Amino acid sequence: MTARWVVDVVQPERDLNITWQPISLLFKNQPPEDSDYFAPVEHTHKLLRVFEAVKAADGMDAAFQFYWECGRNIHHDGVSDVADEAVSAERLLSNAGLDTALAAAYDDESFDAVIREKMDKGLALVGQDVGTPIIAFPSDSGKIGIFGPVISRAPQGDEGLALWDAMVTMSTMDGFWELKRTRTEGPNFGERP
């Protein structure tokens, strides 16, 4: 939801140049292999390998197209079966209009070092006690990173821009650290982008 808000609402009005970076919930949370959580985060970790392969081969715009297709597939189409993972990566690449040969990265552990390095850089900006999303942006005092915002639907128009501006203001305020409340609703992904 945060990515959709930033791309659809904020980027066009605030002239953002977005660099998409990975965060692996497999690396971050280190679930035991016998947990129900392991297979889904292993699958998304392997998709991050493909994401990095796409970025290396075709650049940031192509990586975003792959990321967007993954989001549509999981959140809008409800595809969560990881039984045939390599085919899934090929299908996602094909649907995004990208070279399906890049699906070979799915099982290529050489991408793990790049994923960990980029993830560690993001976490260095915000600390280890957060998850995803992480947003980083330049400020007068250097690069600022924050966890969030965690939103259940993408705010539109002036409301979406107000959220961005408030987030930037709070994040750059000396001594401000956290604002949180308990979630009372799940995500509303809206129409399939």
N, C-alpha and C. Protein backbone atom coordinates (compact mmCIF):
# COMPACT_ATOMS: atom_id res chain seq x y z
N MET A 1 0.83 -1.19 0.00
CA MET A 1 0.00 0.00 0.00
C MET A 1 0.87 1.26 0.00
N THR A 2 1.97 1.20 0.75
CA THR A 2 2.85 2.36 0.80
C THR A 2 3.45 2.63 -0.57
N ALA A 3 3.89 1.58 -1.25
CA ALA A 3 4.46 1.77 -2.58
C ALA A 3 3.43 2.35 -3.54
N ARG A 4 2.21 1.84 -3.46
CA ARG A 4 1.16 2.33 -4.36
C ARG A 4 0.88 3.81 -4.10
N TRP A 5 0.83 4.19 -2.83
CA TRP A 5 0.62 5.59 -2.46
C TRP A 5 1.75 6.47 -3.00
N VAL A 6 2.99 6.04 -2.80
CA VAL A 6 4.13 6.84 -3.23
C VAL A 6 4.15 6.96 -4.75
N VAL A 7 3.91 5.86 -5.46
CA VAL A 7 3.97 5.88 -6.93
C VAL A 7 2.79 6.63 -7.55
N ASP A 8 1.60 6.33 -7.09
CA ASP A 8 0.40 6.89 -7.71
C ASP A 8 0.13 8.34 -7.33
N VAL A 9 0.44 8.70 -6.08
CA VAL A 9 0.03 10.01 -5.57
C VAL A 9 1.21 10.96 -5.36
N VAL A 10 2.24 10.48 -4.69
CA VAL A 10 3.31 11.39 -4.27
C VAL A 10 4.31 11.66 -5.38
N GLN A 11 4.79 10.64 -6.04
CA GLN A 11 5.85 10.81 -7.05
C GLN A 11 5.51 11.87 -8.10
N PRO A 12 4.32 11.84 -8.69
CA PRO A 12 4.04 12.84 -9.72
C PRO A 12 3.99 14.28 -9.20
N GLU A 13 3.62 14.46 -7.93
CA GLU A 13 3.46 15.81 -7.38
C GLU A 13 4.69 16.33 -6.64
N ARG A 14 5.57 15.42 -6.24
CA ARG A 14 6.75 15.83 -5.47
C ARG A 14 8.05 15.51 -6.22
N ASP A 15 7.93 15.15 -7.49
CA ASP A 15 9.07 14.93 -8.37
C ASP A 15 10.11 14.01 -7.73
N LEU A 16 9.66 12.84 -7.29
CA LEU A 16 10.54 11.89 -6.64
C LEU A 16 11.27 11.04 -7.68
N ASN A 17 12.52 10.75 -7.41
CA ASN A 17 13.29 9.79 -8.18
C ASN A 17 13.46 8.58 -7.28
N ILE A 18 12.70 7.52 -7.54
CA ILE A 18 12.64 6.39 -6.63
C ILE A 18 13.67 5.33 -7.00
N THR A 19 14.39 4.88 -6.00
CA THR A 19 15.30 3.75 -6.11
C THR A 19 14.71 2.63 -5.28
N TRP A 20 14.35 1.53 -5.91
CA TRP A 20 13.73 0.40 -5.22
C TRP A 20 14.83 -0.52 -4.70
N GLN A 21 14.78 -0.80 -3.41
CA GLN A 21 15.79 -1.66 -2.78
C GLN A 21 15.10 -2.84 -2.10
N PRO A 22 15.83 -3.95 -1.95
CA PRO A 22 15.23 -5.14 -1.35
C PRO A 22 15.30 -5.15 0.17
N ILE A 23 14.33 -5.80 0.78
CA ILE A 23 14.42 -6.20 2.17
C ILE A 23 13.88 -7.63 2.21
N SER A 24 14.69 -8.52 2.73
CA SER A 24 14.33 -9.93 2.77
C SER A 24 13.78 -10.27 4.15
N LEU A 25 12.52 -10.66 4.19
CA LEU A 25 11.93 -11.08 5.47
C LEU A 25 12.51 -12.43 5.91
N LEU A 26 13.07 -13.18 4.97
CA LEU A 26 13.77 -14.42 5.33
C LEU A 26 15.04 -14.08 6.12
N PHE A 27 15.83 -13.15 5.61
CA PHE A 27 17.04 -12.72 6.32
C PHE A 27 16.69 -11.98 7.61
N LYS A 28 15.70 -11.11 7.53
CA LYS A 28 15.38 -10.24 8.67
C LYS A 28 14.81 -11.04 9.84
N ASN A 29 13.87 -11.93 9.58
CA ASN A 29 13.17 -12.63 10.66
C ASN A 29 13.73 -14.02 10.97
N GLN A 30 14.50 -14.58 10.05
CA GLN A 30 15.14 -15.89 10.24
C GLN A 30 14.19 -16.94 10.83
N PRO A 31 13.08 -17.21 10.15
CA PRO A 31 12.12 -18.17 10.70
C PRO A 31 12.68 -19.60 10.62
N PRO A 32 12.30 -20.46 11.55
CA PRO A 32 12.73 -21.86 11.45
C PRO A 32 12.10 -22.51 10.21
N GLU A 33 12.84 -23.44 9.61
CA GLU A 33 12.38 -24.07 8.38
C GLU A 33 11.08 -24.84 8.54
N ASP A 34 10.76 -25.26 9.76
CA ASP A 34 9.53 -26.03 9.97
C ASP A 34 8.33 -25.15 10.33
N SER A 35 8.50 -23.82 10.27
CA SER A 35 7.38 -22.92 10.56
C SER A 35 6.54 -22.70 9.31
N ASP A 36 5.27 -22.33 9.49
CA ASP A 36 4.38 -22.01 8.37
C ASP A 36 4.85 -20.76 7.63
N TYR A 37 5.62 -19.93 8.30
CA TYR A 37 6.09 -18.65 7.75
C TYR A 37 7.27 -18.84 6.80
N PHE A 38 8.01 -19.96 6.95
CA PHE A 38 9.25 -20.13 6.20
C PHE A 38 9.03 -20.18 4.69
N ALA A 39 8.15 -21.03 4.20
CA ALA A 39 7.97 -21.20 2.75
C ALA A 39 7.58 -19.89 2.04
N PRO A 40 6.63 -19.12 2.57
CA PRO A 40 6.30 -17.86 1.88
C PRO A 40 7.46 -16.86 1.86
N VAL A 41 8.20 -16.73 2.97
CA VAL A 41 9.29 -15.75 2.96
C VAL A 41 10.50 -16.25 2.19
N GLU A 42 10.66 -17.56 2.10
CA GLU A 42 11.72 -18.09 1.24
C GLU A 42 11.37 -17.80 -0.23
N HIS A 43 10.11 -17.98 -0.58
CA HIS A 43 9.66 -17.70 -1.95
C HIS A 43 9.87 -16.22 -2.29
N THR A 44 9.44 -15.31 -1.42
CA THR A 44 9.60 -13.89 -1.72
C THR A 44 11.08 -13.49 -1.71
N HIS A 45 11.88 -14.16 -0.89
CA HIS A 45 13.32 -13.90 -0.92
C HIS A 45 13.89 -14.28 -2.30
N LYS A 46 13.48 -15.42 -2.80
CA LYS A 46 13.96 -15.86 -4.11
C LYS A 46 13.46 -14.93 -5.22
N LEU A 47 12.27 -14.38 -5.04
CA LEU A 47 11.79 -13.38 -6.00
C LEU A 47 12.64 -12.11 -5.93
N LEU A 48 13.18 -11.81 -4.76
CA LEU A 48 14.11 -10.67 -4.65
C LEU A 48 15.36 -10.91 -5.48
N ARG A 49 15.80 -12.15 -5.56
CA ARG A 49 16.94 -12.47 -6.43
C ARG A 49 16.61 -12.12 -7.88
N VAL A 50 15.40 -12.47 -8.29
CA VAL A 50 14.97 -12.15 -9.66
C VAL A 50 14.87 -10.63 -9.82
N PHE A 51 14.33 -9.96 -8.82
CA PHE A 51 14.24 -8.50 -8.81
C PHE A 51 15.62 -7.88 -9.03
N GLU A 52 16.62 -8.37 -8.32
CA GLU A 52 17.97 -7.83 -8.47
C GLU A 52 18.55 -8.18 -9.84
N ALA A 53 18.23 -9.36 -10.36
CA ALA A 53 18.69 -9.73 -11.71
C ALA A 53 18.07 -8.81 -12.75
N VAL A 54 16.79 -8.51 -12.60
CA VAL A 54 16.11 -7.59 -13.52
C VAL A 54 16.75 -6.21 -13.44
N LYS A 55 17.00 -5.75 -12.22
CA LYS A 55 17.60 -4.43 -12.03
C LYS A 55 18.98 -4.37 -12.71
N ALA A 56 19.79 -5.43 -12.52
CA ALA A 56 21.13 -5.46 -13.11
C ALA A 56 21.06 -5.51 -14.64
N ALA A 57 20.09 -6.24 -15.17
CA ALA A 57 19.99 -6.41 -16.62
C ALA A 57 19.31 -5.24 -17.32
N ASP A 58 18.24 -4.72 -16.71
CA ASP A 58 17.39 -3.77 -17.42
C ASP A 58 17.12 -2.46 -16.69
N GLY A 59 17.63 -2.30 -15.48
CA GLY A 59 17.49 -1.03 -14.79
C GLY A 59 16.32 -0.95 -13.83
N MET A 60 16.22 0.20 -13.18
CA MET A 60 15.26 0.43 -12.11
C MET A 60 13.81 0.38 -12.57
N ASP A 61 13.51 0.92 -13.74
CA ASP A 61 12.12 0.91 -14.23
C ASP A 61 11.64 -0.52 -14.44
N ALA A 62 12.49 -1.36 -15.01
CA ALA A 62 12.12 -2.76 -15.23
C ALA A 62 11.96 -3.48 -13.89
N ALA A 63 12.85 -3.19 -12.94
CA ALA A 63 12.73 -3.80 -11.61
C ALA A 63 11.41 -3.42 -10.96
N PHE A 64 11.02 -2.16 -11.14
CA PHE A 64 9.73 -1.73 -10.60
C PHE A 64 8.59 -2.48 -11.27
N GLN A 65 8.64 -2.69 -12.57
CA GLN A 65 7.58 -3.43 -13.26
C GLN A 65 7.46 -4.85 -12.71
N PHE A 66 8.59 -5.48 -12.42
CA PHE A 66 8.57 -6.81 -11.83
C PHE A 66 7.97 -6.76 -10.42
N TYR A 67 8.40 -5.80 -9.63
CA TYR A 67 7.88 -5.63 -8.27
C TYR A 67 6.36 -5.42 -8.30
N TRP A 68 5.92 -4.57 -9.21
CA TRP A 68 4.49 -4.25 -9.33
C TRP A 68 3.69 -5.50 -9.72
N GLU A 69 4.25 -6.29 -10.64
CA GLU A 69 3.58 -7.52 -11.05
C GLU A 69 3.50 -8.50 -9.89
N CYS A 70 4.55 -8.59 -9.10
CA CYS A 70 4.52 -9.46 -7.90
C CYS A 70 3.41 -9.00 -6.96
N GLY A 71 3.30 -7.69 -6.74
CA GLY A 71 2.26 -7.16 -5.87
C GLY A 71 0.86 -7.44 -6.39
N ARG A 72 0.66 -7.23 -7.67
CA ARG A 72 -0.66 -7.53 -8.27
C ARG A 72 -1.00 -9.00 -8.09
N ASN A 73 -0.02 -9.84 -8.35
CA ASN A 73 -0.22 -11.29 -8.29
C ASN A 73 -0.58 -11.75 -6.88
N ILE A 74 0.14 -11.27 -5.91
CA ILE A 74 -0.08 -11.70 -4.52
C ILE A 74 -1.31 -11.02 -3.92
N HIS A 75 -1.38 -9.71 -4.04
CA HIS A 75 -2.41 -8.96 -3.31
C HIS A 75 -3.75 -8.85 -4.04
N HIS A 76 -3.73 -8.78 -5.35
CA HIS A 76 -4.98 -8.62 -6.09
C HIS A 76 -5.51 -9.93 -6.65
N ASP A 77 -4.59 -10.79 -7.09
CA ASP A 77 -5.02 -12.04 -7.70
C ASP A 77 -5.04 -13.19 -6.70
N GLY A 78 -4.49 -12.96 -5.50
CA GLY A 78 -4.51 -13.98 -4.45
C GLY A 78 -3.65 -15.19 -4.73
N VAL A 79 -2.63 -15.03 -5.57
CA VAL A 79 -1.75 -16.16 -5.89
C VAL A 79 -0.69 -16.25 -4.79
N SER A 80 -0.76 -17.31 -4.02
CA SER A 80 0.24 -17.49 -2.97
C SER A 80 0.82 -18.90 -2.98
N ASP A 81 0.43 -19.70 -3.97
CA ASP A 81 0.94 -21.07 -4.08
C ASP A 81 2.40 -21.03 -4.53
N VAL A 82 3.27 -21.59 -3.72
CA VAL A 82 4.68 -21.59 -4.06
C VAL A 82 5.15 -22.98 -4.50
N ALA A 83 4.21 -23.83 -4.88
CA ALA A 83 4.55 -25.21 -5.25
C ALA A 83 5.44 -25.26 -6.49
N ASP A 84 5.21 -24.40 -7.46
CA ASP A 84 6.02 -24.40 -8.67
C ASP A 84 6.66 -23.03 -8.81
N GLU A 85 7.65 -22.77 -7.95
CA GLU A 85 8.22 -21.44 -7.80
C GLU A 85 8.92 -20.92 -9.05
N ALA A 86 9.72 -21.75 -9.71
CA ALA A 86 10.45 -21.28 -10.89
C ALA A 86 9.49 -20.88 -12.00
N VAL A 87 8.44 -21.67 -12.21
CA VAL A 87 7.43 -21.31 -13.20
C VAL A 87 6.76 -20.00 -12.79
N SER A 88 6.52 -19.84 -11.51
CA SER A 88 5.91 -18.61 -11.01
C SER A 88 6.77 -17.40 -11.36
N ALA A 89 8.08 -17.49 -11.17
CA ALA A 89 8.97 -16.39 -11.50
C ALA A 89 8.94 -16.11 -13.00
N GLU A 90 8.93 -17.16 -13.80
CA GLU A 90 8.84 -16.98 -15.25
C GLU A 90 7.53 -16.30 -15.65
N ARG A 91 6.44 -16.73 -15.04
CA ARG A 91 5.13 -16.14 -15.35
C ARG A 91 5.09 -14.67 -14.96
N LEU A 92 5.63 -14.36 -13.79
CA LEU A 92 5.66 -12.96 -13.34
C LEU A 92 6.48 -12.10 -14.30
N LEU A 93 7.63 -12.62 -14.71
CA LEU A 93 8.47 -11.88 -15.66
C LEU A 93 7.75 -11.68 -16.98
N SER A 94 7.12 -12.74 -17.46
CA SER A 94 6.39 -12.66 -18.72
C SER A 94 5.26 -11.64 -18.63
N ASN A 95 4.49 -11.70 -17.56
CA ASN A 95 3.38 -10.76 -17.37
C ASN A 95 3.85 -9.31 -17.28
N ALA A 96 5.08 -9.13 -16.78
CA ALA A 96 5.65 -7.78 -16.68
C ALA A 96 6.33 -7.35 -17.97
N GLY A 97 6.33 -8.23 -18.98
CA GLY A 97 6.96 -7.90 -20.26
C GLY A 97 8.47 -7.96 -20.21
N LEU A 98 9.03 -8.81 -19.34
CA LEU A 98 10.48 -8.89 -19.15
C LEU A 98 11.00 -10.24 -19.62
N ASP A 99 12.29 -10.32 -19.77
CA ASP A 99 12.96 -11.53 -20.25
C ASP A 99 12.79 -12.66 -19.23
N THR A 100 12.11 -13.73 -19.63
CA THR A 100 11.85 -14.84 -18.71
C THR A 100 13.11 -15.61 -18.36
N ALA A 101 14.18 -15.44 -19.10
CA ALA A 101 15.45 -16.10 -18.76
C ALA A 101 15.97 -15.62 -17.41
N LEU A 102 15.54 -14.44 -16.98
CA LEU A 102 15.98 -13.91 -15.69
C LEU A 102 15.41 -14.71 -14.52
N ALA A 103 14.45 -15.59 -14.79
CA ALA A 103 13.91 -16.46 -13.73
C ALA A 103 14.98 -17.39 -13.16
N ALA A 104 16.06 -17.60 -13.90
CA ALA A 104 17.17 -18.44 -13.40
C ALA A 104 17.75 -17.88 -12.11
N ALA A 105 17.62 -16.57 -11.88
CA ALA A 105 18.13 -15.96 -10.65
C ALA A 105 17.40 -16.45 -9.42
N TYR A 106 16.22 -16.99 -9.59
CA TYR A 106 15.39 -17.47 -8.47
C TYR A 106 16.18 -18.40 -7.55
N ASP A 107 16.98 -19.28 -8.12
CA ASP A 107 17.76 -20.24 -7.34
C ASP A 107 19.24 -19.89 -7.27
N ASP A 108 19.59 -18.67 -7.69
CA ASP A 108 20.99 -18.26 -7.73
C ASP A 108 21.37 -17.53 -6.43
N GLU A 109 22.03 -18.24 -5.55
CA GLU A 109 22.40 -17.69 -4.24
C GLU A 109 23.41 -16.56 -4.33
N SER A 110 24.03 -16.36 -5.48
CA SER A 110 25.01 -15.28 -5.60
C SER A 110 24.35 -13.91 -5.43
N PHE A 111 23.04 -13.82 -5.63
CA PHE A 111 22.34 -12.55 -5.42
C PHE A 111 22.12 -12.23 -3.94
N ASP A 112 22.29 -13.22 -3.08
CA ASP A 112 22.03 -13.03 -1.65
C ASP A 112 22.93 -11.98 -1.01
N ALA A 113 24.19 -11.92 -1.45
CA ALA A 113 25.11 -10.93 -0.89
C ALA A 113 24.65 -9.51 -1.22
N VAL A 114 24.17 -9.30 -2.45
CA VAL A 114 23.67 -7.98 -2.86
C VAL A 114 22.42 -7.63 -2.07
N ILE A 115 21.51 -8.60 -1.92
CA ILE A 115 20.29 -8.36 -1.16
C ILE A 115 20.62 -7.98 0.27
N ARG A 116 21.52 -8.74 0.91
CA ARG A 116 21.88 -8.45 2.29
C ARG A 116 22.54 -7.08 2.43
N GLU A 117 23.45 -6.75 1.51
CA GLU A 117 24.14 -5.47 1.57
C GLU A 117 23.15 -4.30 1.46
N LYS A 118 22.23 -4.37 0.50
CA LYS A 118 21.27 -3.28 0.32
C LYS A 118 20.28 -3.22 1.47
N MET A 119 19.87 -4.37 1.97
CA MET A 119 18.98 -4.43 3.11
C MET A 119 19.65 -3.82 4.35
N ASP A 120 20.91 -4.19 4.57
CA ASP A 120 21.64 -3.67 5.72
C ASP A 120 21.81 -2.16 5.66
N LYS A 121 22.00 -1.61 4.46
CA LYS A 121 22.10 -0.15 4.32
C LYS A 121 20.79 0.52 4.71
N GLY A 122 19.66 -0.05 4.30
CA GLY A 122 18.37 0.50 4.68
C GLY A 122 18.13 0.41 6.18
N LEU A 123 18.44 -0.74 6.75
CA LEU A 123 18.25 -0.93 8.19
C LEU A 123 19.19 -0.04 9.01
N ALA A 124 20.37 0.26 8.47
CA ALA A 124 21.30 1.15 9.17
C ALA A 124 20.70 2.55 9.34
N LEU A 125 19.79 2.92 8.45
CA LEU A 125 19.14 4.23 8.56
C LEU A 125 18.02 4.26 9.60
N VAL A 126 17.44 3.09 9.90
CA VAL A 126 16.25 3.07 10.76
C VAL A 126 16.39 2.21 12.01
N GLY A 127 17.36 1.32 12.05
CA GLY A 127 17.53 0.41 13.17
C GLY A 127 16.97 -0.97 12.87
N GLN A 128 17.29 -1.91 13.73
CA GLN A 128 16.93 -3.31 13.51
C GLN A 128 15.52 -3.66 13.98
N ASP A 129 14.89 -2.83 14.77
CA ASP A 129 13.60 -3.18 15.36
C ASP A 129 12.41 -2.74 14.51
N VAL A 130 12.60 -2.72 13.20
CA VAL A 130 11.52 -2.35 12.28
C VAL A 130 11.40 -3.42 11.20
N GLY A 131 10.41 -3.25 10.36
CA GLY A 131 10.20 -4.16 9.23
C GLY A 131 10.14 -3.37 7.95
N THR A 132 9.13 -3.68 7.17
CA THR A 132 8.95 -3.01 5.89
C THR A 132 7.57 -2.38 5.87
N PRO A 133 7.40 -1.22 5.27
CA PRO A 133 8.27 -0.52 4.35
C PRO A 133 9.26 0.39 5.06
N ILE A 134 10.36 0.65 4.39
CA ILE A 134 11.33 1.65 4.81
C ILE A 134 11.41 2.67 3.68
N ILE A 135 11.35 3.93 4.05
CA ILE A 135 11.50 5.00 3.07
C ILE A 135 12.70 5.83 3.49
N ALA A 136 13.58 6.13 2.55
CA ALA A 136 14.73 6.99 2.81
C ALA A 136 14.69 8.15 1.82
N PHE A 137 15.12 9.30 2.29
CA PHE A 137 15.14 10.48 1.42
C PHE A 137 16.19 11.46 1.93
N PRO A 138 16.69 12.33 1.05
CA PRO A 138 17.69 13.30 1.48
C PRO A 138 17.07 14.41 2.32
N SER A 139 17.86 14.92 3.25
CA SER A 139 17.43 16.08 4.04
C SER A 139 18.63 16.99 4.22
N ASP A 140 18.41 18.12 4.86
CA ASP A 140 19.50 19.07 5.08
C ASP A 140 20.62 18.46 5.91
N SER A 141 20.29 17.49 6.76
CA SER A 141 21.29 16.87 7.63
C SER A 141 21.78 15.52 7.11
N GLY A 142 21.49 15.20 5.86
CA GLY A 142 21.90 13.92 5.28
C GLY A 142 20.71 13.04 4.99
N LYS A 143 20.97 11.79 4.64
CA LYS A 143 19.89 10.87 4.30
C LYS A 143 19.14 10.47 5.56
N ILE A 144 17.82 10.53 5.49
CA ILE A 144 16.91 10.16 6.58
C ILE A 144 16.20 8.88 6.18
N GLY A 145 16.05 7.97 7.11
CA GLY A 145 15.28 6.77 6.86
C GLY A 145 14.21 6.60 7.91
N ILE A 146 13.07 6.10 7.50
CA ILE A 146 11.99 5.84 8.44
C ILE A 146 11.33 4.50 8.11
N PHE A 147 10.75 3.89 9.11
CA PHE A 147 9.90 2.73 8.91
C PHE A 147 8.48 3.25 8.74
N GLY A 148 7.84 2.86 7.64
CA GLY A 148 6.46 3.26 7.41
C GLY A 148 6.36 4.26 6.28
N PRO A 149 5.23 4.87 6.16
CA PRO A 149 4.05 4.64 6.99
C PRO A 149 3.37 3.32 6.65
N VAL A 150 2.84 2.69 7.67
CA VAL A 150 2.03 1.48 7.49
C VAL A 150 0.61 1.96 7.32
N ILE A 151 0.05 1.72 6.16
CA ILE A 151 -1.30 2.22 5.85
C ILE A 151 -2.15 1.06 5.33
N SER A 152 -3.43 1.11 5.62
CA SER A 152 -4.33 0.03 5.18
C SER A 152 -4.94 0.31 3.81
N ARG A 153 -4.84 1.54 3.34
CA ARG A 153 -5.27 1.90 1.98
C ARG A 153 -4.45 3.11 1.55
N ALA A 154 -4.29 3.27 0.27
CA ALA A 154 -3.48 4.35 -0.28
C ALA A 154 -4.29 5.64 -0.30
N PRO A 155 -3.91 6.64 0.50
CA PRO A 155 -4.64 7.91 0.46
C PRO A 155 -4.41 8.61 -0.88
N GLN A 156 -5.42 9.25 -1.37
CA GLN A 156 -5.39 9.88 -2.69
C GLN A 156 -5.34 11.40 -2.58
N GLY A 157 -4.99 12.04 -3.67
CA GLY A 157 -5.07 13.49 -3.80
C GLY A 157 -4.39 14.26 -2.69
N ASP A 158 -5.07 15.31 -2.23
CA ASP A 158 -4.51 16.18 -1.20
C ASP A 158 -4.21 15.44 0.09
N GLU A 159 -5.06 14.45 0.42
CA GLU A 159 -4.83 13.67 1.64
C GLU A 159 -3.51 12.90 1.54
N GLY A 160 -3.25 12.31 0.39
CA GLY A 160 -2.01 11.57 0.17
C GLY A 160 -0.79 12.47 0.23
N LEU A 161 -0.89 13.65 -0.35
CA LEU A 161 0.23 14.59 -0.31
C LEU A 161 0.43 15.13 1.10
N ALA A 162 -0.65 15.36 1.83
CA ALA A 162 -0.54 15.82 3.21
C ALA A 162 0.17 14.78 4.07
N LEU A 163 -0.13 13.50 3.84
CA LEU A 163 0.55 12.44 4.58
C LEU A 163 2.04 12.47 4.29
N TRP A 164 2.42 12.59 3.01
CA TRP A 164 3.83 12.66 2.65
C TRP A 164 4.52 13.84 3.33
N ASP A 165 3.91 15.01 3.20
CA ASP A 165 4.52 16.22 3.77
C ASP A 165 4.66 16.12 5.28
N ALA A 166 3.65 15.55 5.94
CA ALA A 166 3.72 15.37 7.39
C ALA A 166 4.82 14.38 7.75
N MET A 167 4.92 13.31 6.98
CA MET A 167 5.96 12.31 7.22
C MET A 167 7.35 12.94 7.10
N VAL A 168 7.56 13.72 6.06
CA VAL A 168 8.86 14.38 5.88
C VAL A 168 9.12 15.33 7.03
N THR A 169 8.11 16.11 7.41
CA THR A 169 8.29 17.07 8.51
C THR A 169 8.65 16.36 9.81
N MET A 170 7.89 15.32 10.16
CA MET A 170 8.17 14.60 11.40
C MET A 170 9.53 13.92 11.35
N SER A 171 9.86 13.31 10.23
CA SER A 171 11.10 12.55 10.11
C SER A 171 12.34 13.42 10.20
N THR A 172 12.23 14.65 9.80
CA THR A 172 13.38 15.55 9.81
C THR A 172 13.43 16.40 11.08
N MET A 173 12.45 16.24 11.97
CA MET A 173 12.41 16.99 13.22
C MET A 173 13.37 16.37 14.23
N ASP A 174 14.27 17.17 14.75
CA ASP A 174 15.24 16.70 15.73
C ASP A 174 14.52 16.13 16.95
N GLY A 175 14.82 14.92 17.31
CA GLY A 175 14.25 14.31 18.50
C GLY A 175 12.97 13.52 18.27
N PHE A 176 12.39 13.57 17.07
CA PHE A 176 11.17 12.78 16.79
C PHE A 176 11.57 11.37 16.41
N TRP A 177 10.90 10.35 17.02
CA TRP A 177 11.25 8.96 16.75
C TRP A 177 10.10 8.09 16.31
N GLU A 178 8.95 8.23 16.92
CA GLU A 178 7.93 7.22 16.65
C GLU A 178 6.53 7.78 16.85
N LEU A 179 5.63 7.27 16.03
CA LEU A 179 4.21 7.57 16.12
C LEU A 179 3.51 6.27 15.74
N LYS A 180 2.66 5.74 16.63
CA LYS A 180 2.08 4.43 16.34
C LYS A 180 0.74 4.28 17.04
N ARG A 181 -0.14 3.46 16.42
CA ARG A 181 -1.36 3.02 17.07
C ARG A 181 -1.70 1.63 16.55
N THR A 182 -2.53 0.92 17.27
CA THR A 182 -2.89 -0.44 16.90
C THR A 182 -3.76 -0.43 15.65
N ARG A 183 -3.46 -1.31 14.72
CA ARG A 183 -4.26 -1.42 13.50
C ARG A 183 -5.58 -2.09 13.83
N THR A 184 -6.66 -1.55 13.30
CA THR A 184 -7.99 -2.13 13.51
C THR A 184 -8.62 -2.60 12.21
N GLU A 185 -7.89 -2.50 11.11
CA GLU A 185 -8.41 -2.99 9.83
C GLU A 185 -7.25 -3.51 8.99
N GLY A 186 -7.56 -4.47 8.16
CA GLY A 186 -6.56 -5.02 7.25
C GLY A 186 -6.41 -4.17 6.03
N PRO A 187 -5.48 -4.53 5.16
CA PRO A 187 -5.26 -3.74 3.96
C PRO A 187 -6.42 -3.81 2.98
N ASN A 188 -6.68 -2.70 2.33
CA ASN A 188 -7.67 -2.61 1.27
C ASN A 188 -6.88 -2.22 0.01
N PHE A 189 -6.60 -3.22 -0.83
CA PHE A 189 -5.70 -3.00 -1.95
C PHE A 189 -6.34 -2.23 -3.11
N GLY A 190 -7.63 -2.02 -3.06
CA GLY A 190 -8.29 -1.29 -4.14
C GLY A 190 -8.28 -2.09 -5.43
N GLU A 191 -8.53 -1.42 -6.52
CA GLU A 191 -8.56 -2.09 -7.81
C GLU A 191 -7.16 -2.49 -8.24
N ARG A 192 -7.10 -3.53 -9.05
CA ARG A 192 -5.82 -4.03 -9.55
C ARG A 192 -5.18 -2.98 -10.44
N PRO A 193 -3.94 -2.51 -10.08
CA PRO A 193 -3.29 -1.49 -10.92
C PRO A 193 -2.80 -2.05 -12.23
